[in-house]
C-alpha atoms as a PDB file:
ATOM      1  CA  MET A   1     -17.943 195.047  13.025  1.00  0.00           C
ATOM      2  CA  ARG A   2     -20.502 194.993  10.151  1.00  0.00           C
ATOM      3  CA  ALA A   3     -17.865 193.523   7.764  1.00  0.00           C
ATOM      4  CA  TYR A   4     -17.197 190.757  10.267  1.00  0.00           C
ATOM      5  CA  PHE A   5     -20.928 190.013  10.545  1.00  0.00           C
ATOM      6  CA  LEU A   6     -21.173 189.751   6.759  1.00  0.00           C
ATOM      7  CA  ALA A   7     -18.178 187.391   6.825  1.00  0.00           C
ATOM      8  CA  VAL A   8     -19.898 185.247   9.456  1.00  0.00           C
ATOM      9  CA  LEU A   9     -23.040 185.206   7.336  1.00  0.00           C
ATOM     10  CA  LEU A  10     -21.088 184.082   4.300  1.00  0.00           C
ATOM     11  CA  VAL A  11     -19.486 181.261   6.208  1.00  0.00           C
ATOM     12  CA  ALA A  12     -22.818 180.354   7.796  1.00  0.00           C
ATOM     13  CA  GLY A  13     -24.324 180.292   4.268  1.00  0.00           C
ATOM     14  CA  GLN A  14     -21.889 177.438   3.455  1.00  0.00           C
ATOM     15  CA  VAL A  15     -23.298 175.258   6.240  1.00  0.00           C
ATOM     16  CA  SER A  16     -24.724 172.158   4.728  1.00  0.00           C
ATOM     17  CA  ALA A  17     -28.531 172.067   4.757  1.00  0.00           C
ATOM     18  CA  ALA A  18     -28.278 168.304   5.108  1.00  0.00           C
ATOM     19  CA  GLY A  19     -27.605 168.145   8.769  1.00  0.00           C
ATOM     20  CA  ASP A  20     -28.630 165.172  10.822  1.00  0.00           C
ATOM     21  CA  ALA A  21     -31.513 166.019  13.211  1.00  0.00           C
ATOM     22  CA  ARG A  22     -30.737 163.083  15.560  1.00  0.00           C
ATOM     23  CA  VAL A  23     -27.136 164.281  15.978  1.00  0.00           C
ATOM     24  CA  GLY A  24     -28.502 167.817  16.382  1.00  0.00           C
ATOM     25  CA  GLU A  25     -30.887 166.664  19.059  1.00  0.00           C
ATOM     26  CA  ALA A  26     -27.951 165.141  21.009  1.00  0.00           C
ATOM     27  CA  LEU A  27     -25.904 168.320  20.532  1.00  0.00           C
ATOM     28  CA  PHE A  28     -28.910 170.382  21.805  1.00  0.00           C
ATOM     29  CA  LYS A  29     -28.347 168.831  25.255  1.00  0.00           C
ATOM     30  CA  ARG A  30     -25.674 171.394  25.737  1.00  0.00           C
ATOM     31  CA  CYS A  31     -28.236 174.147  25.032  1.00  0.00           C
ATOM     32  CA  ALA A  32     -30.866 172.646  27.265  1.00  0.00           C
ATOM     33  CA  SER A  33     -29.370 174.060  30.427  1.00  0.00           C
ATOM     34  CA  CYS A  34     -30.764 177.478  29.263  1.00  0.00           C
ATOM     35  CA  HIS A  35     -33.253 176.751  26.485  1.00  0.00           C
ATOM     36  CA  GLN A  36     -36.367 174.554  26.489  1.00  0.00           C
ATOM     37  CA  VAL A  37     -38.102 172.947  23.521  1.00  0.00           C
ATOM     38  CA  GLY A  38     -41.200 170.737  23.288  1.00  0.00           C
ATOM     39  CA  PRO A  39     -44.911 171.074  24.158  1.00  0.00           C
ATOM     40  CA  TYR A  40     -44.291 172.538  27.613  1.00  0.00           C
ATOM     41  CA  ALA A  41     -41.316 174.718  26.722  1.00  0.00           C
ATOM     42  CA  GLN A  42     -41.076 178.163  28.312  1.00  0.00           C
ATOM     43  CA  GLY A  43     -38.533 180.872  28.825  1.00  0.00           C
ATOM     44  CA  GLY A  44     -36.103 180.327  31.728  1.00  0.00           C
ATOM     45  CA  PHE A  45     -32.468 181.338  31.736  1.00  0.00           C
ATOM     46  CA  GLY A  46     -32.905 181.642  27.993  1.00  0.00           C
ATOM     47  CA  PRO A  47     -35.998 181.803  25.700  1.00  0.00           C
ATOM     48  CA  GLN A  48     -37.844 178.692  24.587  1.00  0.00           C
ATOM     49  CA  LEU A  49     -36.806 177.693  21.036  1.00  0.00           C
ATOM     50  CA  ASN A  50     -39.934 176.080  19.525  1.00  0.00           C
ATOM     51  CA  GLY A  51     -40.555 177.402  15.991  1.00  0.00           C
ATOM     52  CA  ILE A  52     -37.327 179.480  16.196  1.00  0.00           C
ATOM     53  CA  ILE A  53     -36.790 179.410  12.393  1.00  0.00           C
ATOM     54  CA  GLY A  54     -38.892 182.105  10.921  1.00  0.00           C
ATOM     55  CA  ARG A  55     -39.489 183.794  14.237  1.00  0.00           C
ATOM     56  CA  ARG A  56     -38.597 187.479  14.837  1.00  0.00           C
ATOM     57  CA  ALA A  57     -35.819 187.845  17.479  1.00  0.00           C
ATOM     58  CA  ALA A  58     -36.918 188.824  20.923  1.00  0.00           C
ATOM     59  CA  SER A  59     -40.539 188.026  20.212  1.00  0.00           C
ATOM     60  CA  THR A  60     -41.629 185.530  22.807  1.00  0.00           C
ATOM     61  CA  LYS A  61     -43.599 186.878  25.793  1.00  0.00           C
ATOM     62  CA  ASP A  62     -42.062 184.580  28.416  1.00  0.00           C
ATOM     63  CA  TYR A  63     -38.517 185.825  28.408  1.00  0.00           C
ATOM     64  CA  LYS A  64     -36.799 189.124  29.170  1.00  0.00           C
ATOM     65  CA  TYR A  65     -34.540 189.811  26.179  1.00  0.00           C
ATOM     66  CA  SER A  66     -31.477 192.100  26.218  1.00  0.00           C
ATOM     67  CA  GLU A  67     -31.896 195.482  24.687  1.00  0.00           C
ATOM     68  CA  ALA A  68     -29.363 194.461  21.987  1.00  0.00           C
ATOM     69  CA  MET A  69     -31.590 191.559  20.959  1.00  0.00           C
ATOM     70  CA  LYS A  70     -34.727 193.643  21.017  1.00  0.00           C
ATOM     71  CA  LYS A  71     -33.107 196.226  18.757  1.00  0.00           C
ATOM     72  CA  SER A  72     -31.494 193.705  16.410  1.00  0.00           C
ATOM     73  CA  GLY A  73     -34.351 193.518  14.043  1.00  0.00           C
ATOM     74  CA  LEU A  74     -33.398 189.947  13.180  1.00  0.00           C
ATOM     75  CA  VAL A  75     -35.701 187.249  11.912  1.00  0.00           C
ATOM     76  CA  TRP A  76     -34.228 183.816  12.565  1.00  0.00           C
ATOM     77  CA  ASP A  77     -33.771 182.270   9.142  1.00  0.00           C
ATOM     78  CA  GLU A  78     -31.298 179.510   8.726  1.00  0.00           C
ATOM     79  CA  LYS A  79     -28.405 181.726   7.600  1.00  0.00           C
ATOM     80  CA  THR A  80     -28.860 184.153  10.451  1.00  0.00           C
ATOM     81  CA  LEU A  81     -29.334 181.456  13.070  1.00  0.00           C
ATOM     82  CA  ALA A  82     -26.203 179.645  11.707  1.00  0.00           C
ATOM     83  CA  ALA A  83     -24.169 182.803  11.983  1.00  0.00           C
ATOM     84  CA  TYR A  84     -25.472 183.379  15.504  1.00  0.00           C
ATOM     85  CA  LEU A  85     -24.593 179.835  16.492  1.00  0.00           C
ATOM     86  CA  CYS A  86     -21.069 180.427  15.180  1.00  0.00           C
ATOM     87  CA  ALA A  87     -20.510 183.780  16.860  1.00  0.00           C
ATOM     88  CA  PRO A  88     -23.508 185.118  18.905  1.00  0.00           C
ATOM     89  CA  HIS A  89     -21.649 188.219  20.181  1.00  0.00           C
ATOM     90  CA  ASP A  90     -20.621 189.190  16.665  1.00  0.00           C
ATOM     91  CA  VAL A  91     -24.134 188.920  15.184  1.00  0.00           C
ATOM     92  CA  VAL A  92     -25.812 190.685  18.076  1.00  0.00           C
ATOM     93  CA  PRO A  93     -23.170 192.719  20.004  1.00  0.00           C
ATOM     94  CA  GLY A  94     -24.439 193.142  23.591  1.00  0.00           C
ATOM     95  CA  THR A  95     -26.499 189.922  23.621  1.00  0.00           C
ATOM     96  CA  SER A  96     -26.931 188.414  27.029  1.00  0.00           C
ATOM     97  CA  MET A  97     -26.303 184.908  25.708  1.00  0.00           C
ATOM     98  CA  ARG A  98     -23.467 183.312  27.596  1.00  0.00           C
ATOM     99  CA  PHE A  99     -22.036 181.205  24.787  1.00  0.00           C
ATOM    100  CA  TRP A 100     -18.876 181.417  22.720  1.00  0.00           C
ATOM    101  CA  GLY A 101     -20.198 179.794  19.596  1.00  0.00           C
ATOM    102  CA  ILE A 102     -19.769 176.610  17.604  1.00  0.00           C
ATOM    103  CA  LYS A 103     -16.958 176.552  15.062  1.00  0.00           C
ATOM    104  CA  ASP A 104     -17.714 173.161  13.558  1.00  0.00           C
ATOM    105  CA  GLU A 105     -19.843 173.706  10.435  1.00  0.00           C
ATOM    106  CA  GLN A 106     -21.342 170.168  10.562  1.00  0.00           C
ATOM    107  CA  GLN A 107     -22.413 170.599  14.166  1.00  0.00           C
ATOM    108  CA  VAL A 108     -24.206 173.849  13.172  1.00  0.00           C
ATOM    109  CA  ALA A 109     -25.900 172.042  10.267  1.00  0.00           C
ATOM    110  CA  ASP A 110     -26.932 169.228  12.628  1.00  0.00           C
ATOM    111  CA  LEU A 111     -28.352 171.677  15.180  1.00  0.00           C
ATOM    112  CA  LEU A 112     -30.223 173.592  12.391  1.00  0.00           C
ATOM    113  CA  SER A 113     -31.712 170.245  11.168  1.00  0.00           C
ATOM    114  CA  TYR A 114     -32.995 169.599  14.678  1.00  0.00           C
ATOM    115  CA  MET A 115     -34.298 173.107  15.139  1.00  0.00           C
ATOM    116  CA  ARG A 116     -36.251 172.813  11.833  1.00  0.00           C
ATOM    117  CA  SER A 117     -38.194 170.005  13.446  1.00  0.00           C
ATOM    118  CA  LEU A 118     -39.262 172.182  16.476  1.00  0.00           C
ATOM    119  CA  ARG A 119     -42.754 173.512  15.977  1.00  0.00           C
END
Protein backbone atom coordinates (compact mmCIF):
# COMPACT_ATOMS: atom_id res chain seq x y z
CA MET A 1 0.00 0.00 0.00
CA ARG A 2 2.78 2.44 0.90
CA ALA A 3 4.46 1.87 -2.49
CA TYR A 4 1.19 2.63 -4.25
CA PHE A 5 0.80 5.85 -2.24
CA LEU A 6 4.30 6.91 -3.27
CA ALA A 7 3.46 6.16 -6.91
CA VAL A 8 0.31 8.29 -6.63
CA LEU A 9 2.39 11.12 -5.14
CA LEU A 10 4.86 10.88 -8.02
CA VAL A 11 2.07 11.08 -10.59
CA ALA A 12 0.43 13.91 -8.66
CA GLY A 13 3.76 15.73 -8.63
CA GLN A 14 3.58 15.81 -12.41
CA VAL A 15 0.29 17.73 -12.32
CA SER A 16 0.78 21.07 -13.98
CA ALA A 17 0.86 23.98 -11.55
CA ALA A 18 -0.67 26.08 -14.34
CA GLY A 19 -4.25 24.97 -13.89
CA ASP A 20 -7.14 27.26 -14.80
CA ALA A 21 -8.99 28.49 -11.69
CA ARG A 22 -12.15 29.30 -13.68
CA VAL A 23 -12.31 25.75 -15.01
CA GLY A 24 -11.52 24.49 -11.51
CA GLU A 25 -14.39 26.51 -10.08
CA ALA A 26 -16.75 24.88 -12.59
CA LEU A 27 -15.34 21.44 -11.75
CA PHE A 28 -15.79 22.15 -8.04
CA LYS A 29 -19.56 22.16 -8.53
CA ARG A 30 -19.32 18.35 -8.39
CA CYS A 31 -17.68 18.69 -4.96
CA ALA A 32 -20.19 21.26 -3.71
CA SER A 33 -22.79 18.63 -2.83
CA CYS A 34 -20.53 17.73 0.14
CA HIS A 35 -18.03 20.61 0.56
CA GLN A 36 -18.65 24.32 1.04
CA VAL A 37 -16.35 27.24 0.27
CA GLY A 38 -16.67 30.98 0.66
CA PRO A 39 -17.26 33.40 3.51
CA TYR A 40 -20.12 31.41 5.07
CA ALA A 41 -18.69 27.92 4.48
CA GLN A 42 -19.11 25.33 7.19
CA GLY A 43 -18.82 21.60 7.55
CA GLY A 44 -21.78 19.56 6.39
CA PHE A 45 -21.60 16.19 4.67
CA GLY A 46 -17.90 17.00 4.22
CA PRO A 47 -15.58 19.63 5.73
CA GLN A 48 -15.45 23.18 4.41
CA LEU A 49 -12.45 23.72 2.15
CA ASN A 50 -11.46 27.37 2.61
CA GLY A 51 -7.70 27.61 3.07
CA ILE A 52 -7.27 23.87 2.48
CA ILE A 53 -3.76 24.22 1.05
CA GLY A 54 -1.38 24.36 3.98
CA ARG A 55 -3.97 23.13 6.47
CA ARG A 56 -3.48 20.03 8.62
CA ALA A 57 -5.90 17.22 7.73
CA ALA A 58 -8.86 16.81 10.10
CA SER A 59 -8.26 20.20 11.73
CA THR A 60 -11.51 22.12 11.31
CA LYS A 61 -13.80 22.15 14.33
CA ASP A 62 -17.11 22.00 12.45
CA TYR A 63 -16.79 18.54 10.94
CA LYS A 64 -16.56 15.01 12.40
CA TYR A 65 -13.62 13.38 10.61
CA SER A 66 -12.99 9.66 10.22
CA GLU A 67 -10.42 8.10 12.52
CA ALA A 68 -8.32 7.36 9.44
CA MET A 69 -8.19 11.06 8.52
CA LYS A 70 -7.47 12.10 12.12
CA LYS A 71 -4.55 9.66 12.27
CA SER A 72 -3.22 10.45 8.78
CA GLY A 73 -0.88 13.22 9.94
CA LEU A 74 -1.24 14.88 6.54
CA VAL A 75 -0.83 18.53 5.78
CA TRP A 76 -2.61 19.44 2.56
CA ASP A 77 0.16 20.71 0.32
CA GLU A 78 -0.46 20.64 -3.42
CA LYS A 79 1.24 17.28 -4.02
CA THR A 80 -0.67 15.55 -1.23
CA LEU A 81 -3.96 17.14 -2.22
CA ALA A 82 -3.40 16.18 -5.87
CA ALA A 83 -2.70 12.59 -4.84
CA TYR A 84 -5.83 12.58 -2.68
CA LEU A 85 -7.95 13.96 -5.51
CA CYS A 86 -6.62 11.20 -7.76
CA ALA A 87 -7.15 8.33 -5.30
CA PRO A 88 -8.53 9.33 -1.89
CA HIS A 89 -8.82 5.80 -0.52
CA ASP A 90 -5.23 5.01 -1.45
CA VAL A 91 -3.84 8.12 0.24
CA VAL A 92 -5.97 7.74 3.39
CA PRO A 93 -7.20 4.15 3.64
CA GLY A 94 -10.41 4.17 5.66
CA THR A 95 -11.37 7.73 4.76
CA SER A 96 -15.10 8.38 4.86
CA MET A 97 -14.96 10.40 1.63
CA ARG A 98 -17.35 8.85 -0.88
CA PHE A 99 -15.42 9.66 -4.02
CA TRP A 100 -13.52 7.46 -6.48
CA GLY A 101 -11.02 10.08 -7.61
CA ILE A 102 -10.17 12.14 -10.67
CA LYS A 103 -7.91 10.50 -13.22
CA ASP A 104 -7.53 13.50 -15.55
CA GLU A 105 -4.34 15.38 -14.54
CA GLN A 106 -5.50 18.66 -16.10
CA GLN A 107 -8.75 18.56 -14.10
CA VAL A 108 -6.73 18.02 -10.92
CA ALA A 109 -4.49 20.97 -11.85
CA ASP A 110 -7.55 23.13 -12.52
CA LEU A 111 -9.12 22.19 -9.18
CA LEU A 112 -5.86 22.93 -7.37
CA SER A 113 -5.66 26.31 -9.06
CA TYR A 114 -9.16 27.10 -7.81
CA MET A 115 -8.41 25.77 -4.32
CA ARG A 116 -5.32 28.00 -4.08
CA SER A 117 -7.71 30.95 -4.40
CA LEU A 118 -9.82 29.84 -1.40
CA ARG A 119 -8.81 31.74 1.71
